[in-house]
Amino acid sequence: MNKGKQKIEMQNITLFLPKDLLQKIKHIAIARQTSVSSLLTETLEEIVKKENSYEKAKSRHISILEKGFNLGTEGELTWSR
């Protein structure tokens, strides 16, 4: 049945949400033909993915800034004010 699929270990959590918010979430889940759990999992995965992308971009740009740019001056100032 799970040919080619990696088994993912799952863990339960408890959330305390305002009742009116939970009702709205349930309606959204029904409209999307999914469960509240799946809806929350997808949303949290997206948050983690965005955070990882941000951290990678931040590291890449810091590396570029630390390396510096070749301005063609060979490190010498050829002008004065």
Protein backbone atom coordinates (compact mmCIF):
# COMPACT_ATOMS: atom_id res chain seq x y z
CA MET A 1 0.00 0.00 0.00
CA ASN A 2 2.69 2.51 0.94
CA LYS A 3 4.97 1.67 -1.96
CA GLY A 4 7.41 4.50 -2.50
CA LYS A 5 5.99 6.54 0.39
CA GLN A 6 8.03 7.35 3.44
CA LYS A 7 6.33 6.72 6.79
CA ILE A 8 6.00 9.98 8.70
CA GLU A 9 5.81 9.86 12.47
CA MET A 10 2.86 11.88 13.73
CA GLN A 11 2.13 13.37 17.13
CA ASN A 12 -1.09 14.72 18.60
CA ILE A 13 -1.33 18.23 20.04
CA THR A 14 -4.04 20.06 21.91
CA LEU A 15 -5.22 23.47 20.77
CA PHE A 16 -7.41 25.89 22.64
CA LEU A 17 -9.31 28.06 20.18
CA PRO A 18 -12.24 30.40 20.55
CA LYS A 19 -15.44 28.56 19.61
CA ASP A 20 -16.40 31.02 16.88
CA LEU A 21 -12.97 30.67 15.26
CA LEU A 22 -13.17 26.88 15.39
CA GLN A 23 -16.61 26.95 13.75
CA LYS A 24 -15.26 29.09 10.91
CA ILE A 25 -12.27 26.77 10.49
CA LYS A 26 -14.59 23.76 10.32
CA HIS A 27 -16.64 25.45 7.59
CA ILE A 28 -13.48 26.21 5.61
CA ALA A 29 -12.32 22.60 5.97
CA ILE A 30 -15.70 21.29 4.79
CA ALA A 31 -15.67 23.65 1.80
CA ARG A 32 -12.21 22.36 0.86
CA GLN A 33 -13.28 18.75 1.44
CA THR A 34 -10.60 18.15 4.05
CA SER A 35 -10.28 17.90 7.81
CA VAL A 36 -9.39 20.61 10.29
CA SER A 37 -6.24 18.64 11.07
CA SER A 38 -5.19 18.50 7.41
CA LEU A 39 -6.01 22.18 6.93
CA LEU A 40 -3.84 23.14 9.92
CA THR A 41 -1.04 20.81 8.82
CA GLU A 42 -0.95 22.39 5.35
CA THR A 43 -0.97 25.89 6.80
CA LEU A 44 1.82 25.14 9.28
CA GLU A 45 3.90 23.41 6.59
CA GLU A 46 3.59 26.54 4.43
CA ILE A 47 4.75 28.73 7.32
CA VAL A 48 7.79 26.49 7.86
CA LYS A 49 8.56 26.46 4.11
CA LYS A 50 8.43 30.28 3.94
CA GLU A 51 10.64 30.60 7.02
CA ASN A 52 13.20 28.19 5.53
CA SER A 53 13.19 30.10 2.23
CA TYR A 54 13.70 33.37 4.08
CA GLU A 55 16.61 31.97 6.09
CA LYS A 56 18.29 30.61 2.93
CA ALA A 57 17.90 33.94 1.13
CA LYS A 58 19.18 35.83 4.17
CA SER A 59 22.27 33.60 4.42
CA ARG A 60 22.92 33.91 0.69
CA HIS A 61 22.73 37.71 0.80
CA ILE A 62 24.89 37.98 3.91
CA SER A 63 27.50 35.84 2.15
CA ILE A 64 27.41 38.15 -0.89
CA LEU A 65 27.80 41.22 1.32
CA GLU A 66 30.70 39.68 3.24
CA LYS A 67 32.45 38.78 -0.02
CA GLY A 68 32.00 42.29 -1.36
CA PHE A 69 31.68 43.57 -4.89
CA ASN A 70 34.33 44.11 -7.55
CA LEU A 71 34.03 47.78 -8.41
CA GLY A 72 37.08 47.67 -10.66
CA THR A 73 39.21 49.80 -8.33
CA GLU A 74 41.48 47.01 -7.08
CA GLY A 75 40.77 48.36 -3.58
CA GLU A 76 42.29 51.76 -4.36
CA LEU A 77 40.42 55.05 -4.21
CA THR A 78 41.23 56.88 -7.43
CA TRP A 79 39.26 60.01 -6.61
CA SER A 80 39.04 62.60 -3.89
CA ARG A 81 36.26 64.84 -2.85
